[in-house]
Amino acid sequence: MIPQNRVIILTGATEGIGRATAYTLAEAGCQLALVARNTQTLQALADELNTVKHQAVAIPTDMGDTAQAAALATKTVEAFGKIDVVINNAAIGVRDRTLDLQEEQARRIMDVNYFGPVALIQAAIPHLRTNPEGGLIINISSIVGRRAMPGIAGYCASKGALEKMAESLRIEVKADNIRVSTVYPGVTSTNFNDNSLGDSQEGRGRVSGVPPERVARAILKTIRHERRDVFITLFDRAFVTVSMLFPWLMDMLLSRYFA
């Protein structure tokens, strides 16, 4: 798919990977429906992109509210006339061990990271079906959606749910010329850990990892080539591969690392 002039819904657009992706896609000539909760920050981003002759509209949305998430499809078509790509990037984390995980926070994680994206996908598919070129759905998961890590069970569960849903969806919509890709970032240099819910301080303040711009470039490449599964680094791919082939070995290594 040629990115230029494609209409793209990008959730979680104001921070980290989402913000870097907004700039990258705008520079590639995409038309962006930018989505986030913070109205002021979101509008400022859209205004900045439009100032340099990119095309972007701000659609303030709480992705944890399925009605708001579903409304994104109609609002995007009203703004641009069509939808070509949906990027489910918005997510929040929770840093607590399973025994300490609070139900309210666990449900909030699932609402934002799973149920909101599902509602958006369901609302967008009728528009993608009427698009002569079909459409592309990109879900931003995580390597911990493929191999869960201790201390962040709630987050891992939400990303695992998103990844498994994408596997089913890919087959269900293939006949409609709708393609589904999943991107699996590893550790990324953002404020995601510091903004996570939960009481545990493990992992907070960590800023090491790949820059979000690298993930953004991978997302742009995904739009161009529509690969099924996308890993950002060789380490990320190796981590998941070893976990799948030798789960007992990864259990042992993680137990020692987190002891």
C-alpha atoms as a PDB file:
ATOM      1  CA  MET A   1       0.000   0.000   0.000  1.00  0.00           C
ATOM      2  CA  ILE A   2       1.355   3.421  -0.968  1.00  0.00           C
ATOM      3  CA  PRO A   3       1.061   5.623   2.155  1.00  0.00           C
ATOM      4  CA  GLN A   4       0.545   8.938   0.357  1.00  0.00           C
ATOM      5  CA  ASN A   5      -3.003  10.300   0.677  1.00  0.00           C
ATOM      6  CA  ARG A   6      -4.116   7.341   2.766  1.00  0.00           C
ATOM      7  CA  VAL A   7      -6.643   8.199   5.463  1.00  0.00           C
ATOM      8  CA  ILE A   8      -5.388   6.776   8.737  1.00  0.00           C
ATOM      9  CA  ILE A   9      -6.949   6.598  12.187  1.00  0.00           C
ATOM     10  CA  LEU A  10      -4.138   6.760  14.739  1.00  0.00           C
ATOM     11  CA  THR A  11      -5.062   6.258  18.385  1.00  0.00           C
ATOM     12  CA  GLY A  12      -2.799   7.256  21.250  1.00  0.00           C
ATOM     13  CA  ALA A  13      -1.353   9.986  19.049  1.00  0.00           C
ATOM     14  CA  THR A  14       0.004  12.465  21.569  1.00  0.00           C
ATOM     15  CA  GLU A  15       2.750  10.542  23.374  1.00  0.00           C
ATOM     16  CA  GLY A  16       5.584   8.116  22.782  1.00  0.00           C
ATOM     17  CA  ILE A  17       5.171   5.803  19.828  1.00  0.00           C
ATOM     18  CA  GLY A  18       1.922   7.476  18.781  1.00  0.00           C
ATOM     19  CA  ARG A  19       3.393  10.964  18.578  1.00  0.00           C
ATOM     20  CA  ALA A  20       6.453   9.774  16.661  1.00  0.00           C
ATOM     21  CA  THR A  21       4.164   7.869  14.299  1.00  0.00           C
ATOM     22  CA  ALA A  22       2.006  10.949  13.706  1.00  0.00           C
ATOM     23  CA  TYR A  23       5.028  12.906  12.467  1.00  0.00           C
ATOM     24  CA  THR A  24       6.336   9.996  10.391  1.00  0.00           C
ATOM     25  CA  LEU A  25       3.014   9.334   8.671  1.00  0.00           C
ATOM     26  CA  ALA A  26       2.352  13.025   8.071  1.00  0.00           C
ATOM     27  CA  GLU A  27       5.722  13.411   6.381  1.00  0.00           C
ATOM     28  CA  ALA A  28       4.862  10.406   4.192  1.00  0.00           C
ATOM     29  CA  GLY A  29       1.772  12.262   2.954  1.00  0.00           C
ATOM     30  CA  CYS A  30      -0.913  10.481   4.967  1.00  0.00           C
ATOM     31  CA  GLN A  31      -4.132  12.150   6.082  1.00  0.00           C
ATOM     32  CA  LEU A  32      -4.491  11.628   9.800  1.00  0.00           C
ATOM     33  CA  ALA A  33      -7.397  11.309  12.189  1.00  0.00           C
ATOM     34  CA  LEU A  34      -5.483  11.836  15.426  1.00  0.00           C
ATOM     35  CA  VAL A  35      -6.979  10.298  18.562  1.00  0.00           C
ATOM     36  CA  ALA A  36      -6.190  10.833  22.253  1.00  0.00           C
ATOM     37  CA  ARG A  37      -7.926  11.857  25.486  1.00  0.00           C
ATOM     38  CA  ASN A  38      -6.164  15.169  26.108  1.00  0.00           C
ATOM     39  CA  THR A  39      -8.051  17.608  23.894  1.00  0.00           C
ATOM     40  CA  GLN A  40      -5.594  20.484  24.222  1.00  0.00           C
ATOM     41  CA  THR A  41      -2.476  18.426  23.515  1.00  0.00           C
ATOM     42  CA  LEU A  42      -4.179  16.626  20.652  1.00  0.00           C
ATOM     43  CA  GLN A  43      -5.351  19.824  18.974  1.00  0.00           C
ATOM     44  CA  ALA A  44      -1.895  21.353  19.363  1.00  0.00           C
ATOM     45  CA  LEU A  45      -0.400  18.373  17.530  1.00  0.00           C
ATOM     46  CA  ALA A  46      -2.937  18.625  14.720  1.00  0.00           C
ATOM     47  CA  ASP A  47      -2.362  22.370  14.412  1.00  0.00           C
ATOM     48  CA  GLU A  48       1.403  21.845  14.269  1.00  0.00           C
ATOM     49  CA  LEU A  49       1.082  19.301  11.470  1.00  0.00           C
ATOM     50  CA  ASN A  50      -1.377  21.436   9.527  1.00  0.00           C
ATOM     51  CA  THR A  51       0.907  24.453   9.820  1.00  0.00           C
ATOM     52  CA  VAL A  52       3.454  22.671   7.643  1.00  0.00           C
ATOM     53  CA  LYS A  53       0.763  21.678   5.131  1.00  0.00           C
ATOM     54  CA  HIS A  54       0.070  18.196   6.399  1.00  0.00           C
ATOM     55  CA  GLN A  55      -3.549  17.074   6.751  1.00  0.00           C
ATOM     56  CA  ALA A  56      -4.678  16.161  10.256  1.00  0.00           C
ATOM     57  CA  VAL A  57      -7.796  16.433  12.363  1.00  0.00           C
ATOM     58  CA  ALA A  58      -8.018  16.019  16.133  1.00  0.00           C
ATOM     59  CA  ILE A  59     -10.742  13.703  17.426  1.00  0.00           C
ATOM     60  CA  PRO A  60     -10.614  13.661  21.260  1.00  0.00           C
ATOM     61  CA  THR A  61     -11.607  10.184  22.408  1.00  0.00           C
ATOM     62  CA  ASP A  62     -11.337   7.982  25.470  1.00  0.00           C
ATOM     63  CA  MET A  63     -10.533   4.580  23.999  1.00  0.00           C
ATOM     64  CA  GLY A  64     -11.734   3.004  27.235  1.00  0.00           C
ATOM     65  CA  ASP A  65     -15.284   4.036  26.259  1.00  0.00           C
ATOM     66  CA  THR A  66     -16.439   1.686  23.505  1.00  0.00           C
ATOM     67  CA  ALA A  67     -19.128   4.103  22.294  1.00  0.00           C
ATOM     68  CA  GLN A  68     -16.529   6.836  21.801  1.00  0.00           C
ATOM     69  CA  ALA A  69     -14.147   4.375  20.137  1.00  0.00           C
ATOM     70  CA  ALA A  70     -16.811   3.210  17.697  1.00  0.00           C
ATOM     71  CA  ALA A  71     -17.761   6.797  16.842  1.00  0.00           C
ATOM     72  CA  LEU A  72     -14.260   7.369  15.483  1.00  0.00           C
ATOM     73  CA  ALA A  73     -15.106   5.590  12.246  1.00  0.00           C
ATOM     74  CA  THR A  74     -18.007   7.880  11.381  1.00  0.00           C
ATOM     75  CA  LYS A  75     -16.134  11.008  12.451  1.00  0.00           C
ATOM     76  CA  THR A  76     -13.166  10.074  10.264  1.00  0.00           C
ATOM     77  CA  VAL A  77     -15.369   9.467   7.212  1.00  0.00           C
ATOM     78  CA  GLU A  78     -17.089  12.799   7.832  1.00  0.00           C
ATOM     79  CA  ALA A  79     -13.691  14.514   7.859  1.00  0.00           C
ATOM     80  CA  PHE A  80     -11.959  12.709   4.985  1.00  0.00           C
ATOM     81  CA  GLY A  81     -14.609  10.737   3.117  1.00  0.00           C
ATOM     82  CA  LYS A  82     -13.068   7.303   3.699  1.00  0.00           C
ATOM     83  CA  ILE A  83     -10.839   5.123   5.878  1.00  0.00           C
ATOM     84  CA  ASP A  84      -7.794   3.279   4.540  1.00  0.00           C
ATOM     85  CA  VAL A  85      -5.890   2.266   7.670  1.00  0.00           C
ATOM     86  CA  VAL A  86      -6.729   1.835  11.352  1.00  0.00           C
ATOM     87  CA  ILE A  87      -3.825   1.873  13.811  1.00  0.00           C
ATOM     88  CA  ASN A  88      -4.741   0.724  17.307  1.00  0.00           C
ATOM     89  CA  ASN A  89      -1.870   2.206  19.284  1.00  0.00           C
ATOM     90  CA  ALA A  90      -3.506   3.677  22.398  1.00  0.00           C
ATOM     91  CA  ALA A  91      -2.630   1.709  25.530  1.00  0.00           C
ATOM     92  CA  ILE A  92      -2.005   2.035  29.230  1.00  0.00           C
ATOM     93  CA  GLY A  93       0.016  -0.228  31.497  1.00  0.00           C
ATOM     94  CA  VAL A  94      -0.254  -1.493  35.035  1.00  0.00           C
ATOM     95  CA  ARG A  95       2.724  -2.413  37.193  1.00  0.00           C
ATOM     96  CA  ASP A  96       1.612  -4.824  39.887  1.00  0.00           C
ATOM     97  CA  ARG A  97       2.064  -8.492  40.508  1.00  0.00           C
ATOM     98  CA  THR A  98      -0.970 -10.667  39.936  1.00  0.00           C
ATOM     99  CA  LEU A  99      -1.817 -10.988  43.635  1.00  0.00           C
ATOM    100  CA  ASP A 100      -1.747  -7.195  44.037  1.00  0.00           C
ATOM    101  CA  LEU A 101      -3.678  -6.362  40.882  1.00  0.00           C
ATOM    102  CA  GLN A 102      -6.792  -4.292  41.606  1.00  0.00           C
ATOM    103  CA  GLU A 103      -9.904  -5.254  39.678  1.00  0.00           C
ATOM    104  CA  GLU A 104     -10.777  -1.664  38.794  1.00  0.00           C
ATOM    105  CA  GLN A 105      -7.359  -1.087  37.252  1.00  0.00           C
ATOM    106  CA  ALA A 106      -7.374  -4.455  35.484  1.00  0.00           C
ATOM    107  CA  ARG A 107     -10.726  -3.635  33.901  1.00  0.00           C
ATOM    108  CA  ARG A 108      -9.503  -0.186  32.836  1.00  0.00           C
ATOM    109  CA  ILE A 109      -6.499  -1.785  31.135  1.00  0.00           C
ATOM    110  CA  MET A 110      -8.720  -4.205  29.232  1.00  0.00           C
ATOM    111  CA  ASP A 111     -11.133  -1.430  28.254  1.00  0.00           C
ATOM    112  CA  VAL A 112      -8.416   0.765  26.730  1.00  0.00           C
ATOM    113  CA  ASN A 113      -6.102  -1.912  25.355  1.00  0.00           C
ATOM    114  CA  TYR A 114      -8.645  -4.422  24.091  1.00  0.00           C
ATOM    115  CA  PHE A 115     -12.343  -3.539  24.145  1.00  0.00           C
ATOM    116  CA  GLY A 116     -11.806  -0.037  22.723  1.00  0.00           C
ATOM    117  CA  PRO A 117      -9.770  -1.317  19.760  1.00  0.00           C
ATOM    118  CA  VAL A 118     -12.338  -4.045  19.097  1.00  0.00           C
ATOM    119  CA  ALA A 119     -15.145  -1.457  19.050  1.00  0.00           C
ATOM    120  CA  LEU A 120     -13.173   0.716  16.615  1.00  0.00           C
ATOM    121  CA  ILE A 121     -12.431  -2.235  14.357  1.00  0.00           C
ATOM    122  CA  GLN A 122     -16.080  -3.300  14.311  1.00  0.00           C
ATOM    123  CA  ALA A 123     -17.174   0.227  13.378  1.00  0.00           C
ATOM    124  CA  ALA A 124     -14.447   0.684  10.760  1.00  0.00           C
ATOM    125  CA  ILE A 125     -14.897  -2.588   8.874  1.00  0.00           C
ATOM    126  CA  PRO A 126     -18.101  -1.551   7.012  1.00  0.00           C
ATOM    127  CA  HIS A 127     -16.219   1.501   5.696  1.00  0.00           C
ATOM    128  CA  LEU A 128     -13.175  -0.583   4.766  1.00  0.00           C
ATOM    129  CA  ARG A 129     -15.425  -3.014   2.894  1.00  0.00           C
ATOM    130  CA  THR A 130     -16.751  -0.212   0.693  1.00  0.00           C
ATOM    131  CA  ASN A 131     -13.245   1.088  -0.001  1.00  0.00           C
ATOM    132  CA  PRO A 132     -12.274  -0.073  -3.521  1.00  0.00           C
ATOM    133  CA  GLU A 133      -8.793  -0.909  -2.242  1.00  0.00           C
ATOM    134  CA  GLY A 134      -9.976  -2.584   0.928  1.00  0.00           C
ATOM    135  CA  GLY A 135      -8.130  -1.584   4.059  1.00  0.00           C
ATOM    136  CA  LEU A 136      -5.455  -2.351   6.603  1.00  0.00           C
ATOM    137  CA  ILE A 137      -5.786  -2.784  10.363  1.00  0.00           C
ATOM    138  CA  ILE A 138      -2.589  -2.469  12.393  1.00  0.00           C
ATOM    139  CA  ASN A 139      -2.660  -3.466  16.044  1.00  0.00           C
ATOM    140  CA  ILE A 140       0.257  -2.322  18.178  1.00  0.00           C
ATOM    141  CA  SER A 141       0.765  -5.190  20.592  1.00  0.00           C
ATOM    142  CA  SER A 142       3.985  -5.927  22.487  1.00  0.00           C
ATOM    143  CA  ILE A 143       6.477  -8.743  22.798  1.00  0.00           C
ATOM    144  CA  VAL A 144       4.941  -9.333  26.237  1.00  0.00           C
ATOM    145  CA  GLY A 145       1.692 -10.095  24.443  1.00  0.00           C
ATOM    146  CA  ARG A 146       3.502 -13.152  23.071  1.00  0.00           C
ATOM    147  CA  ARG A 147       5.563 -13.964  26.191  1.00  0.00           C
ATOM    148  CA  ALA A 148       4.199 -12.605  29.471  1.00  0.00           C
ATOM    149  CA  MET A 149       6.578 -11.104  32.012  1.00  0.00           C
ATOM    150  CA  PRO A 150       6.265 -11.112  35.816  1.00  0.00           C
ATOM    151  CA  GLY A 151       5.084  -7.925  37.481  1.00  0.00           C
ATOM    152  CA  ILE A 152       2.909  -6.695  34.599  1.00  0.00           C
ATOM    153  CA  ALA A 153       0.374  -9.511  34.249  1.00  0.00           C
ATOM    154  CA  GLY A 154      -2.596  -7.188  33.606  1.00  0.00           C
ATOM    155  CA  TYR A 155      -0.838  -5.452  30.740  1.00  0.00           C
ATOM    156  CA  CYS A 156       0.421  -8.731  29.258  1.00  0.00           C
ATOM    157  CA  ALA A 157      -3.104 -10.156  29.345  1.00  0.00           C
ATOM    158  CA  SER A 158      -4.536  -7.172  27.468  1.00  0.00           C
ATOM    159  CA  LYS A 159      -1.894  -7.332  24.741  1.00  0.00           C
ATOM    160  CA  GLY A 160      -2.247 -11.083  24.465  1.00  0.00           C
ATOM    161  CA  ALA A 161      -5.987 -10.640  23.951  1.00  0.00           C
ATOM    162  CA  LEU A 162      -5.371  -8.047  21.225  1.00  0.00           C
ATOM    163  CA  GLU A 163      -2.909 -10.322  19.433  1.00  0.00           C
ATOM    164  CA  LYS A 164      -5.200 -13.363  19.538  1.00  0.00           C
ATOM    165  CA  MET A 165      -8.168 -11.326  18.339  1.00  0.00           C
ATOM    166  CA  ALA A 166      -6.059 -10.154  15.373  1.00  0.00           C
ATOM    167  CA  GLU A 167      -5.289 -13.774  14.434  1.00  0.00           C
ATOM    168  CA  SER A 168      -8.995 -14.580  14.180  1.00  0.00           C
ATOM    169  CA  LEU A 169      -9.874 -11.296  12.495  1.00  0.00           C
ATOM    170  CA  ARG A 170      -7.220 -11.769   9.803  1.00  0.00           C
ATOM    171  CA  ILE A 171      -8.997 -14.852   8.486  1.00  0.00           C
ATOM    172  CA  GLU A 172     -12.517 -13.524   8.992  1.00  0.00           C
ATOM    173  CA  VAL A 173     -12.038 -10.396   6.844  1.00  0.00           C
ATOM    174  CA  LYS A 174      -9.638 -11.753   4.223  1.00  0.00           C
ATOM    175  CA  ALA A 175     -12.429 -12.188   1.673  1.00  0.00           C
ATOM    176  CA  ASP A 176     -13.295  -8.484   2.076  1.00  0.00           C
ATOM    177  CA  ASN A 177      -9.744  -7.459   1.081  1.00  0.00           C
ATOM    178  CA  ILE A 178      -9.069  -6.216   4.598  1.00  0.00           C
ATOM    179  CA  ARG A 179      -5.593  -7.052   5.836  1.00  0.00           C
ATOM    180  CA  VAL A 180      -4.438  -7.286   9.449  1.00  0.00           C
ATOM    181  CA  SER A 181      -0.908  -6.708  10.758  1.00  0.00           C
ATOM    182  CA  THR A 182       0.397  -6.846  14.304  1.00  0.00           C
ATOM    183  CA  VAL A 183       3.427  -4.871  15.481  1.00  0.00           C
ATOM    184  CA  TYR A 184       5.351  -6.096  18.538  1.00  0.00           C
ATOM    185  CA  PRO A 185       7.535  -3.368  20.086  1.00  0.00           C
ATOM    186  CA  GLY A 186       9.943  -4.309  22.832  1.00  0.00           C
ATOM    187  CA  VAL A 187      11.403  -1.877  25.355  1.00  0.00           C
ATOM    188  CA  THR A 188      10.961   1.648  23.974  1.00  0.00           C
ATOM    189  CA  SER A 189      12.273   4.967  25.295  1.00  0.00           C
ATOM    190  CA  THR A 190       8.993   6.585  26.376  1.00  0.00           C
ATOM    191  CA  ASN A 191       7.194   7.597  29.568  1.00  0.00           C
ATOM    192  CA  PHE A 192       4.922   4.554  29.332  1.00  0.00           C
ATOM    193  CA  ASN A 193       6.243   2.865  32.481  1.00  0.00           C
ATOM    194  CA  ASP A 194       6.018   6.040  34.551  1.00  0.00           C
ATOM    195  CA  ASN A 195       2.436   6.625  33.392  1.00  0.00           C
ATOM    196  CA  SER A 196       1.341   3.064  34.167  1.00  0.00           C
ATOM    197  CA  LEU A 197      -1.266   2.318  36.803  1.00  0.00           C
ATOM    198  CA  GLY A 198      -0.462   0.227  39.874  1.00  0.00           C
ATOM    199  CA  ASP A 199       1.598   0.638  43.014  1.00  0.00           C
ATOM    200  CA  SER A 200       4.761  -1.266  42.102  1.00  0.00           C
ATOM    201  CA  GLN A 201       7.849   0.851  41.463  1.00  0.00           C
ATOM    202  CA  GLU A 202       9.614  -1.909  39.530  1.00  0.00           C
ATOM    203  CA  GLY A 203      10.652  -0.662  36.106  1.00  0.00           C
ATOM    204  CA  ARG A 204       9.581   2.943  36.646  1.00  0.00           C
ATOM    205  CA  GLY A 205      12.019   5.626  35.581  1.00  0.00           C
ATOM    206  CA  ARG A 206      13.523   3.333  32.964  1.00  0.00           C
ATOM    207  CA  VAL A 207      14.171   5.228  29.738  1.00  0.00           C
ATOM    208  CA  SER A 208      16.457   2.770  27.935  1.00  0.00           C
ATOM    209  CA  GLY A 209      15.283   1.067  24.774  1.00  0.00           C
ATOM    210  CA  VAL A 210      14.816   1.880  21.127  1.00  0.00           C
ATOM    211  CA  PRO A 211      13.649   5.396  20.267  1.00  0.00           C
ATOM    212  CA  PRO A 212       9.938   5.689  19.416  1.00  0.00           C
ATOM    213  CA  GLU A 213      10.909   7.029  15.998  1.00  0.00           C
ATOM    214  CA  ARG A 214      12.285   3.595  15.132  1.00  0.00           C
ATOM    215  CA  VAL A 215       8.940   2.009  15.966  1.00  0.00           C
ATOM    216  CA  ALA A 216       7.209   4.710  13.902  1.00  0.00           C
ATOM    217  CA  ARG A 217       9.345   3.846  10.885  1.00  0.00           C
ATOM    218  CA  ALA A 218       8.418   0.187  11.336  1.00  0.00           C
ATOM    219  CA  ILE A 219       4.741   1.143  11.353  1.00  0.00           C
ATOM    220  CA  LEU A 220       5.168   3.122   8.133  1.00  0.00           C
ATOM    221  CA  LYS A 221       6.949   0.124   6.612  1.00  0.00           C
ATOM    222  CA  THR A 222       4.037  -2.052   7.721  1.00  0.00           C
ATOM    223  CA  ILE A 223       1.641   0.180   5.784  1.00  0.00           C
ATOM    224  CA  ARG A 224       3.812  -0.219   2.705  1.00  0.00           C
ATOM    225  CA  HIS A 225       4.390  -3.973   2.873  1.00  0.00           C
ATOM    226  CA  GLU A 226       1.550  -5.227   5.096  1.00  0.00           C
ATOM    227  CA  ARG A 227       3.564  -7.932   6.805  1.00  0.00           C
ATOM    228  CA  ARG A 228       1.607 -10.204   9.143  1.00  0.00           C
ATOM    229  CA  ASP A 229       3.888  -9.851  12.192  1.00  0.00           C
ATOM    230  CA  VAL A 230       6.407  -7.053  12.696  1.00  0.00           C
ATOM    231  CA  PHE A 231       9.195  -7.006  15.265  1.00  0.00           C
ATOM    232  CA  ILE A 232      11.286  -3.906  15.852  1.00  0.00           C
ATOM    233  CA  THR A 233      14.642  -5.471  16.714  1.00  0.00           C
ATOM    234  CA  LEU A 234      16.379  -8.788  16.197  1.00  0.00           C
ATOM    235  CA  PHE A 235      16.427  -9.218  19.987  1.00  0.00           C
ATOM    236  CA  ASP A 236      12.629  -8.835  20.139  1.00  0.00           C
ATOM    237  CA  ARG A 237      12.157 -11.537  17.517  1.00  0.00           C
ATOM    238  CA  ALA A 238      14.697 -13.821  19.199  1.00  0.00           C
ATOM    239  CA  PHE A 239      13.062 -13.320  22.604  1.00  0.00           C
ATOM    240  CA  VAL A 240       9.677 -14.394  21.279  1.00  0.00           C
ATOM    241  CA  THR A 241      11.083 -17.257  19.206  1.00  0.00           C
ATOM    242  CA  VAL A 242      13.050 -18.754  22.097  1.00  0.00           C
ATOM    243  CA  SER A 243      10.014 -18.347  24.368  1.00  0.00           C
ATOM    244  CA  MET A 244       7.878 -20.309  21.910  1.00  0.00           C
ATOM    245  CA  LEU A 245      10.417 -23.073  21.298  1.00  0.00           C
ATOM    246  CA  PHE A 246      11.729 -23.418  24.849  1.00  0.00           C
ATOM    247  CA  PRO A 247       9.138 -22.018  27.275  1.00  0.00           C
ATOM    248  CA  TRP A 248      10.666 -23.885  30.219  1.00  0.00           C
ATOM    249  CA  LEU A 249      14.029 -22.258  29.529  1.00  0.00           C
ATOM    250  CA  MET A 250      12.501 -18.774  29.433  1.00  0.00           C
ATOM    251  CA  ASP A 251      10.663 -19.500  32.693  1.00  0.00           C
ATOM    252  CA  MET A 252      13.988 -20.376  34.296  1.00  0.00           C
ATOM    253  CA  LEU A 253      15.798 -17.316  32.911  1.00  0.00           C
ATOM    254  CA  LEU A 254      13.034 -14.920  33.962  1.00  0.00           C
ATOM    255  CA  SER A 255      12.828 -16.480  37.418  1.00  0.00           C
ATOM    256  CA  ARG A 256      16.529 -15.881  37.946  1.00  0.00           C
ATOM    257  CA  TYR A 257      16.436 -12.363  36.510  1.00  0.00           C
ATOM    258  CA  PHE A 258      13.530 -11.249  38.695  1.00  0.00           C
ATOM    259  CA  ALA A 259      14.647 -13.063  41.850  1.00  0.00           C
END
